[in-house]
Amino acid sequence: GLGRVFNVIAVADDVYVPLKDGSAVSFVCHLAAGDTYTVTSAASAAGSGAAVLATVDHFYDSTGVGGAWSKVTQTAASTVVNDGTAGHDCSVFTISGAELPDGHTHVKVASTSTGTVVAILHDLAVQRAPENLAALV
């Protein structure tokens, strides 16, 4: 799938992901003790014009070891909270390029604690062999 379906940033906490090569990015966020993750968009990888992105109206929770997923709905917000209780220490949500304000091309998720964030850029504009993928950051 790498290069054909998706590209990935394994350590993506507080890293701007460009949406120029894909139409959406899914963030996988995990901390066994629970954490809060904040979504921000910007006009560049340097954070030009950064603004919180209050478009997350649902996400999916599970255990960090591959348990069943449950849908969590919320009023559109810029934060995702996993509370660390059984079945709720890993959260996944997707941001599409259409959700970004005019002029914004990058999105990031930042943990407020020590949670991990993985970014999976998908719906790639051009499919390539993995060794021919452009660097994301």
C-alpha atoms as a PDB file:
ATOM      1  CA  GLY A   1       0.000   0.000   0.000  1.00  0.00           C
ATOM      2  CA  LEU A   2       2.895   2.419   0.680  1.00  0.00           C
ATOM      3  CA  GLY A   3       3.136   4.737  -2.326  1.00  0.00           C
ATOM      4  CA  ARG A   4       0.051   3.281  -3.986  1.00  0.00           C
ATOM      5  CA  VAL A   5      -2.583   3.974  -1.342  1.00  0.00           C
ATOM      6  CA  PHE A   6      -0.830   5.936   1.405  1.00  0.00           C
ATOM      7  CA  ASN A   7       2.290   7.624   2.755  1.00  0.00           C
ATOM      8  CA  VAL A   8       3.091   7.814   6.459  1.00  0.00           C
ATOM      9  CA  ILE A   9       4.855   9.888   9.094  1.00  0.00           C
ATOM     10  CA  ALA A  10       5.451   7.562  12.032  1.00  0.00           C
ATOM     11  CA  VAL A  11       6.426  10.306  14.506  1.00  0.00           C
ATOM     12  CA  ALA A  12       3.975  13.088  13.668  1.00  0.00           C
ATOM     13  CA  ASP A  13       3.234  14.769  17.015  1.00  0.00           C
ATOM     14  CA  ASP A  14       3.249  18.545  16.352  1.00  0.00           C
ATOM     15  CA  VAL A  15       4.413  18.076  12.718  1.00  0.00           C
ATOM     16  CA  TYR A  16       2.667  19.840   9.828  1.00  0.00           C
ATOM     17  CA  VAL A  17       1.532  17.353   7.166  1.00  0.00           C
ATOM     18  CA  PRO A  18       1.115  18.752   3.635  1.00  0.00           C
ATOM     19  CA  LEU A  19      -2.075  17.843   1.814  1.00  0.00           C
ATOM     20  CA  LYS A  20      -0.732  18.676  -1.655  1.00  0.00           C
ATOM     21  CA  ASP A  21       0.001  15.024  -2.510  1.00  0.00           C
ATOM     22  CA  GLY A  22      -3.115  13.476  -0.972  1.00  0.00           C
ATOM     23  CA  SER A  23      -6.693  14.473  -0.332  1.00  0.00           C
ATOM     24  CA  ALA A  24      -6.832  13.481   3.350  1.00  0.00           C
ATOM     25  CA  VAL A  25      -4.744  12.533   6.356  1.00  0.00           C
ATOM     26  CA  SER A  26      -5.761  10.184   9.152  1.00  0.00           C
ATOM     27  CA  PHE A  27      -4.162  10.606  12.558  1.00  0.00           C
ATOM     28  CA  VAL A  28      -3.667   7.653  14.905  1.00  0.00           C
ATOM     29  CA  CYS A  29      -3.214   8.940  18.461  1.00  0.00           C
ATOM     30  CA  HIS A  30      -2.320   6.787  21.467  1.00  0.00           C
ATOM     31  CA  LEU A  31      -1.495   7.072  25.149  1.00  0.00           C
ATOM     32  CA  ALA A  32      -2.549   4.381  27.619  1.00  0.00           C
ATOM     33  CA  ALA A  33      -3.189   7.011  30.306  1.00  0.00           C
ATOM     34  CA  GLY A  34      -5.324   9.104  27.937  1.00  0.00           C
ATOM     35  CA  ASP A  35      -4.515  12.404  26.254  1.00  0.00           C
ATOM     36  CA  THR A  36      -5.945  15.411  24.429  1.00  0.00           C
ATOM     37  CA  TYR A  37      -4.929  16.074  20.821  1.00  0.00           C
ATOM     38  CA  THR A  38      -5.337  19.481  19.136  1.00  0.00           C
ATOM     39  CA  VAL A  39      -5.725  19.983  15.373  1.00  0.00           C
ATOM     40  CA  THR A  40      -4.186  23.049  13.704  1.00  0.00           C
ATOM     41  CA  SER A  41      -3.974  24.075  10.047  1.00  0.00           C
ATOM     42  CA  ALA A  42      -1.511  26.451   8.385  1.00  0.00           C
ATOM     43  CA  ALA A  43      -0.475  27.875   5.033  1.00  0.00           C
ATOM     44  CA  SER A  44       2.995  26.272   5.193  1.00  0.00           C
ATOM     45  CA  ALA A  45       5.130  23.678   6.975  1.00  0.00           C
ATOM     46  CA  ALA A  46       6.546  26.540   9.046  1.00  0.00           C
ATOM     47  CA  GLY A  47       3.082  27.269  10.452  1.00  0.00           C
ATOM     48  CA  SER A  48       2.263  30.493   8.569  1.00  0.00           C
ATOM     49  CA  GLY A  49      -1.175  31.753   9.570  1.00  0.00           C
ATOM     50  CA  ALA A  50      -1.703  28.828  11.955  1.00  0.00           C
ATOM     51  CA  ALA A  51      -5.214  28.437  13.350  1.00  0.00           C
ATOM     52  CA  VAL A  52      -6.960  25.722  15.311  1.00  0.00           C
ATOM     53  CA  LEU A  53      -9.186  23.663  13.036  1.00  0.00           C
ATOM     54  CA  ALA A  54     -12.548  23.025  14.671  1.00  0.00           C
ATOM     55  CA  THR A  55     -13.935  20.453  12.226  1.00  0.00           C
ATOM     56  CA  VAL A  56     -13.634  17.134  14.088  1.00  0.00           C
ATOM     57  CA  ASP A  57     -17.209  16.004  14.753  1.00  0.00           C
ATOM     58  CA  HIS A  58     -16.449  12.307  15.186  1.00  0.00           C
ATOM     59  CA  PHE A  59     -13.557   9.939  15.756  1.00  0.00           C
ATOM     60  CA  TYR A  60     -13.026   6.295  16.574  1.00  0.00           C
ATOM     61  CA  ASP A  61     -11.657   4.871  19.841  1.00  0.00           C
ATOM     62  CA  SER A  62     -10.126   1.502  20.575  1.00  0.00           C
ATOM     63  CA  THR A  63      -7.405  -0.094  22.619  1.00  0.00           C
ATOM     64  CA  GLY A  64      -3.845   0.394  21.512  1.00  0.00           C
ATOM     65  CA  VAL A  65      -3.548  -3.348  20.911  1.00  0.00           C
ATOM     66  CA  GLY A  66      -6.150  -3.717  18.179  1.00  0.00           C
ATOM     67  CA  GLY A  67      -9.458  -3.980  20.003  1.00  0.00           C
ATOM     68  CA  ALA A  68     -12.859  -3.239  18.494  1.00  0.00           C
ATOM     69  CA  TRP A  69     -13.500   0.349  17.365  1.00  0.00           C
ATOM     70  CA  SER A  70     -16.306   2.509  18.724  1.00  0.00           C
ATOM     71  CA  LYS A  71     -17.534   5.742  17.146  1.00  0.00           C
ATOM     72  CA  VAL A  72     -17.450   8.870  19.298  1.00  0.00           C
ATOM     73  CA  THR A  73     -19.485  11.868  18.119  1.00  0.00           C
ATOM     74  CA  GLN A  74     -18.983  15.393  19.364  1.00  0.00           C
ATOM     75  CA  THR A  75     -19.828  18.961  18.456  1.00  0.00           C
ATOM     76  CA  ALA A  76     -17.286  20.053  15.827  1.00  0.00           C
ATOM     77  CA  ALA A  77     -14.099  20.846  17.725  1.00  0.00           C
ATOM     78  CA  SER A  78     -10.349  21.212  17.296  1.00  0.00           C
ATOM     79  CA  THR A  79      -9.649  18.608  19.967  1.00  0.00           C
ATOM     80  CA  VAL A  80      -9.952  14.864  20.340  1.00  0.00           C
ATOM     81  CA  VAL A  81      -9.835  13.393  23.836  1.00  0.00           C
ATOM     82  CA  ASN A  82      -9.203   9.763  24.611  1.00  0.00           C
ATOM     83  CA  ASP A  83      -9.735   9.197  28.301  1.00  0.00           C
ATOM     84  CA  GLY A  84      -7.450   6.218  28.816  1.00  0.00           C
ATOM     85  CA  THR A  85     -10.179   3.985  30.165  1.00  0.00           C
ATOM     86  CA  ALA A  86     -10.518   0.436  28.911  1.00  0.00           C
ATOM     87  CA  GLY A  87     -11.105   0.566  25.169  1.00  0.00           C
ATOM     88  CA  HIS A  88     -10.433   4.292  24.869  1.00  0.00           C
ATOM     89  CA  ASP A  89      -6.674   4.868  24.758  1.00  0.00           C
ATOM     90  CA  CYS A  90      -6.254   4.996  20.963  1.00  0.00           C
ATOM     91  CA  SER A  91      -8.153   7.422  18.719  1.00  0.00           C
ATOM     92  CA  VAL A  92      -8.288   7.742  14.931  1.00  0.00           C
ATOM     93  CA  PHE A  93      -9.753  10.619  12.933  1.00  0.00           C
ATOM     94  CA  THR A  94      -9.422  12.005   9.421  1.00  0.00           C
ATOM     95  CA  ILE A  95      -8.960  15.552   8.136  1.00  0.00           C
ATOM     96  CA  SER A  96      -9.651  16.147   4.439  1.00  0.00           C
ATOM     97  CA  GLY A  97      -8.177  18.945   2.394  1.00  0.00           C
ATOM     98  CA  ALA A  98     -11.694  20.314   1.906  1.00  0.00           C
ATOM     99  CA  GLU A  99     -11.856  21.069   5.649  1.00  0.00           C
ATOM    100  CA  LEU A 100      -8.893  23.455   5.526  1.00  0.00           C
ATOM    101  CA  PRO A 101      -9.525  27.205   5.336  1.00  0.00           C
ATOM    102  CA  ASP A 102      -8.687  28.982   2.072  1.00  0.00           C
ATOM    103  CA  GLY A 103      -4.923  29.263   1.644  1.00  0.00           C
ATOM    104  CA  HIS A 104      -4.125  26.539   4.167  1.00  0.00           C
ATOM    105  CA  THR A 105      -2.298  23.476   2.843  1.00  0.00           C
ATOM    106  CA  HIS A 106      -0.944  21.795   5.997  1.00  0.00           C
ATOM    107  CA  VAL A 107      -2.461  20.223   9.102  1.00  0.00           C
ATOM    108  CA  LYS A 108      -0.947  18.973  12.356  1.00  0.00           C
ATOM    109  CA  VAL A 109      -2.037  17.276  15.543  1.00  0.00           C
ATOM    110  CA  ALA A 110      -0.299  18.008  18.835  1.00  0.00           C
ATOM    111  CA  SER A 111      -0.482  15.916  21.997  1.00  0.00           C
ATOM    112  CA  THR A 112      -0.905  17.840  25.245  1.00  0.00           C
ATOM    113  CA  SER A 113       1.017  15.137  27.107  1.00  0.00           C
ATOM    114  CA  THR A 114       3.285  12.339  25.884  1.00  0.00           C
ATOM    115  CA  GLY A 115       0.882  10.654  23.477  1.00  0.00           C
ATOM    116  CA  THR A 116       2.081   9.347  20.145  1.00  0.00           C
ATOM    117  CA  VAL A 117       0.722  10.578  16.827  1.00  0.00           C
ATOM    118  CA  VAL A 118       1.069   8.782  13.486  1.00  0.00           C
ATOM    119  CA  ALA A 119      -0.051  10.578  10.305  1.00  0.00           C
ATOM    120  CA  ILE A 120      -1.254   8.531   7.330  1.00  0.00           C
ATOM    121  CA  LEU A 121      -1.608  10.585   4.153  1.00  0.00           C
ATOM    122  CA  HIS A 122      -4.059   8.790   1.873  1.00  0.00           C
ATOM    123  CA  ASP A 123      -6.019   9.086  -1.340  1.00  0.00           C
ATOM    124  CA  LEU A 124      -2.705   9.956  -2.989  1.00  0.00           C
ATOM    125  CA  ALA A 125      -2.824  12.219  -6.037  1.00  0.00           C
ATOM    126  CA  VAL A 126      -0.067  10.228  -7.774  1.00  0.00           C
ATOM    127  CA  GLN A 127       0.843   6.617  -7.070  1.00  0.00           C
ATOM    128  CA  ARG A 128       4.559   5.802  -6.946  1.00  0.00           C
ATOM    129  CA  ALA A 129       6.933   3.103  -5.832  1.00  0.00           C
ATOM    130  CA  PRO A 130       7.767   3.786  -2.160  1.00  0.00           C
ATOM    131  CA  GLU A 131      11.340   4.776  -3.013  1.00  0.00           C
ATOM    132  CA  ASN A 132       9.986   7.479  -5.349  1.00  0.00           C
ATOM    133  CA  LEU A 133       7.675   9.143  -2.818  1.00  0.00           C
ATOM    134  CA  ALA A 134       8.448  12.761  -2.038  1.00  0.00           C
ATOM    135  CA  ALA A 135       9.443  13.542   1.536  1.00  0.00           C
ATOM    136  CA  LEU A 136       6.458  14.773   3.556  1.00  0.00           C
ATOM    137  CA  VAL A 137       8.440  16.992   5.915  1.00  0.00           C
END
